[in-house]
C-alpha atoms as a PDB file:
ATOM      1  CA  MET A   1     107.525 103.366  87.430  1.00  0.00           C
ATOM      2  CA  THR A   2     104.647 104.878  89.036  1.00  0.00           C
ATOM      3  CA  VAL A   3     104.891 107.530  92.106  1.00  0.00           C
ATOM      4  CA  ALA A   4     102.503 107.054  94.780  1.00  0.00           C
ATOM      5  CA  ALA A   5     102.308 106.736  98.674  1.00  0.00           C
ATOM      6  CA  VAL A   6     102.235 103.976 100.897  1.00  0.00           C
ATOM      7  CA  LYS A   7     100.075 103.982 104.215  1.00  0.00           C
ATOM      8  CA  VAL A   8     101.794 103.787 107.428  1.00  0.00           C
ATOM      9  CA  THR A   9     101.090 104.162 111.198  1.00  0.00           C
ATOM     10  CA  ILE A  10     103.017 107.053 112.934  1.00  0.00           C
ATOM     11  CA  VAL A  11     103.227 105.218 116.403  1.00  0.00           C
ATOM     12  CA  GLY A  12     105.000 107.761 118.351  1.00  0.00           C
ATOM     13  CA  TRP A  13     107.480 110.867 118.632  1.00  0.00           C
ATOM     14  CA  HIS A  14     110.942 109.771 118.047  1.00  0.00           C
ATOM     15  CA  GLU A  15     113.413 112.540 118.730  1.00  0.00           C
ATOM     16  CA  ASN A  16     113.014 116.510 119.055  1.00  0.00           C
ATOM     17  CA  HIS A  17     115.684 117.308 116.567  1.00  0.00           C
ATOM     18  CA  PRO A  18     114.009 120.360 114.594  1.00  0.00           C
ATOM     19  CA  PRO A  19     111.690 119.784 112.758  1.00  0.00           C
ATOM     20  CA  GLY A  20     110.819 116.648 114.798  1.00  0.00           C
ATOM     21  CA  ILE A  21     111.158 113.048 114.222  1.00  0.00           C
ATOM     22  CA  VAL A  22     108.607 110.456 114.351  1.00  0.00           C
ATOM     23  CA  GLU A  23     108.626 106.682 114.372  1.00  0.00           C
ATOM     24  CA  CYS A  24     106.447 105.082 111.684  1.00  0.00           C
ATOM     25  CA  SER A  25     105.385 101.452 111.036  1.00  0.00           C
ATOM     26  CA  LEU A  26     105.248  99.772 107.642  1.00  0.00           C
ATOM     27  CA  VAL A  27     104.202  96.197 107.688  1.00  0.00           C
ATOM     28  CA  ASP A  28     105.136  94.235 104.487  1.00  0.00           C
ATOM     29  CA  ARG A  29     103.320  91.744 102.779  1.00  0.00           C
ATOM     30  CA  CYS A  30     105.033  89.144 104.925  1.00  0.00           C
ATOM     31  CA  GLY A  31     104.101  90.653 107.954  1.00  0.00           C
ATOM     32  CA  LYS A  32     107.296  92.294 109.040  1.00  0.00           C
ATOM     33  CA  ASP A  33     106.986  95.356 111.083  1.00  0.00           C
ATOM     34  CA  TRP A  34     109.505  97.670 109.622  1.00  0.00           C
ATOM     35  CA  ARG A  35     110.469 100.777 111.946  1.00  0.00           C
ATOM     36  CA  LEU A  36     111.086 103.929 110.201  1.00  0.00           C
ATOM     37  CA  ALA A  37     112.417 107.209 111.688  1.00  0.00           C
ATOM     38  CA  LEU A  38     111.025 110.299 109.519  1.00  0.00           C
ATOM     39  CA  LYS A  39     110.654 113.861 109.638  1.00  0.00           C
ATOM     40  CA  TYR A  40     106.991 114.230 110.589  1.00  0.00           C
ATOM     41  CA  TYR A  41     106.204 116.345 107.746  1.00  0.00           C
ATOM     42  CA  ASP A  42     107.429 113.254 105.414  1.00  0.00           C
ATOM     43  CA  ALA A  43     104.446 111.259 107.181  1.00  0.00           C
ATOM     44  CA  THR A  44     101.802 113.581 107.439  1.00  0.00           C
ATOM     45  CA  LYS A  45     100.458 117.069 106.933  1.00  0.00           C
ATOM     46  CA  GLU A  46      99.411 117.647 110.514  1.00  0.00           C
ATOM     47  CA  GLU A  47     101.664 119.520 113.002  1.00  0.00           C
ATOM     48  CA  LEU A  48     102.982 116.762 115.263  1.00  0.00           C
ATOM     49  CA  GLY A  49     105.023 117.024 118.481  1.00  0.00           C
ATOM     50  CA  PRO A  50     106.009 114.705 121.677  1.00  0.00           C
ATOM     51  CA  TYR A  51     102.381 115.514 123.071  1.00  0.00           C
ATOM     52  CA  SER A  52     100.237 114.513 120.220  1.00  0.00           C
ATOM     53  CA  GLU A  53      97.798 111.676 120.468  1.00  0.00           C
ATOM     54  CA  TYR A  54      99.545 108.599 118.889  1.00  0.00           C
ATOM     55  CA  PRO A  55      99.065 106.370 117.008  1.00  0.00           C
ATOM     56  CA  LEU A  56      98.110 108.128 113.880  1.00  0.00           C
ATOM     57  CA  LEU A  57      97.470 107.476 110.245  1.00  0.00           C
ATOM     58  CA  GLY A  58     100.022 108.650 107.807  1.00  0.00           C
ATOM     59  CA  SER A  59     101.689 107.777 104.436  1.00  0.00           C
ATOM     60  CA  VAL A  60     105.091 108.280 102.876  1.00  0.00           C
ATOM     61  CA  PRO A  61     105.936 108.825  99.097  1.00  0.00           C
ATOM     62  CA  CYS A  62     107.102 106.089  97.209  1.00  0.00           C
ATOM     63  CA  LYS A  63     107.842 104.734  94.018  1.00  0.00           C
ATOM     64  CA  VAL A  64     106.253 101.594  92.398  1.00  0.00           C
ATOM     65  CA  LEU A  65     108.895  99.725  91.066  1.00  0.00           C
ATOM     66  CA  ASP A  66     106.863  96.440  89.935  1.00  0.00           C
ATOM     67  CA  ARG A  67     103.614  95.054  90.591  1.00  0.00           C
ATOM     68  CA  SER A  68     102.770  91.139  90.566  1.00  0.00           C
ATOM     69  CA  MET A  69     100.508  88.510  92.071  1.00  0.00           C
ATOM     70  CA  ASN A  70     101.119  86.241  94.895  1.00  0.00           C
ATOM     71  CA  GLU A  71     100.437  82.699  94.952  1.00  0.00           C
ATOM     72  CA  SER A  72      97.180  83.338  96.563  1.00  0.00           C
ATOM     73  CA  GLY A  73      96.242  85.737  93.821  1.00  0.00           C
ATOM     74  CA  LYS A  74      96.791  88.987  96.082  1.00  0.00           C
ATOM     75  CA  SER A  75      98.105  91.717  94.085  1.00  0.00           C
ATOM     76  CA  ILE A  76     101.596  93.006  95.546  1.00  0.00           C
ATOM     77  CA  ALA A  77     103.800  95.983  94.776  1.00  0.00           C
ATOM     78  CA  LYS A  78     107.725  96.351  95.079  1.00  0.00           C
ATOM     79  CA  ILE A  79     108.001  99.638  96.249  1.00  0.00           C
ATOM     80  CA  GLU A  80     111.279 102.222  97.184  1.00  0.00           C
ATOM     81  CA  LEU A  81     110.590 104.856  99.689  1.00  0.00           C
ATOM     82  CA  ALA A  82     111.158 108.530  98.270  1.00  0.00           C
ATOM     83  CA  VAL A  83     112.615 109.894 101.461  1.00  0.00           C
ATOM     84  CA  PRO A  84     116.123 110.750 102.335  1.00  0.00           C
ATOM     85  CA  LEU A  85     118.081 107.513 103.312  1.00  0.00           C
ATOM     86  CA  GLU A  86     119.482 108.979 106.227  1.00  0.00           C
ATOM     87  CA  ASN A  87     116.138 109.231 107.704  1.00  0.00           C
ATOM     88  CA  LEU A  88     115.272 105.530 107.566  1.00  0.00           C
ATOM     89  CA  SER A  89     116.070 103.042 110.463  1.00  0.00           C
ATOM     90  CA  GLU A  90     116.518  99.420 109.707  1.00  0.00           C
ATOM     91  CA  ASN A  91     119.788  99.705 108.145  1.00  0.00           C
ATOM     92  CA  GLY A  92     118.564 102.277 105.500  1.00  0.00           C
ATOM     93  CA  ILE A  93     116.260  99.597 103.804  1.00  0.00           C
ATOM     94  CA  ASP A  94     114.205 101.569 101.452  1.00  0.00           C
ATOM     95  CA  GLN A  95     112.527  98.863  99.395  1.00  0.00           C
ATOM     96  CA  PHE A  96     109.665  96.557 100.476  1.00  0.00           C
ATOM     97  CA  GLU A  97     107.240  94.361  98.930  1.00  0.00           C
ATOM     98  CA  ILE A  98     103.565  95.292 100.190  1.00  0.00           C
ATOM     99  CA  PHE A  99      99.857  94.678  99.325  1.00  0.00           C
ATOM    100  CA  THR A 100      98.777  97.085  96.684  1.00  0.00           C
ATOM    101  CA  GLY A 101      96.055  98.018  98.985  1.00  0.00           C
ATOM    102  CA  GLN A 102      98.648  99.708 101.303  1.00  0.00           C
ATOM    103  CA  LEU A 103      99.120 102.346  98.345  1.00  0.00           C
ATOM    104  CA  THR A 104      97.100 105.722  98.365  1.00  0.00           C
END
């Protein structure tokens, strides 16, 4: 297992609950747009707030559980997000299959 980070798009401010929650978009290898609600510092080192300019690029820590190739020969990775599960939306889903180019 490898520790890495997956690129996300910070699409906007979600909630003022301290320290502040942002909504992030993570697109999986099938094109599904997963929305994650995270503490802003889990997605970026920048100070963010409700009036910041969105969208922004960010990344979320993850563990690479497996690597493989799809039918087209593209490299894919199965990842597990390394942030507290209570911060995730979409029923607490924390494992995704992405293209390895989305890793940092």
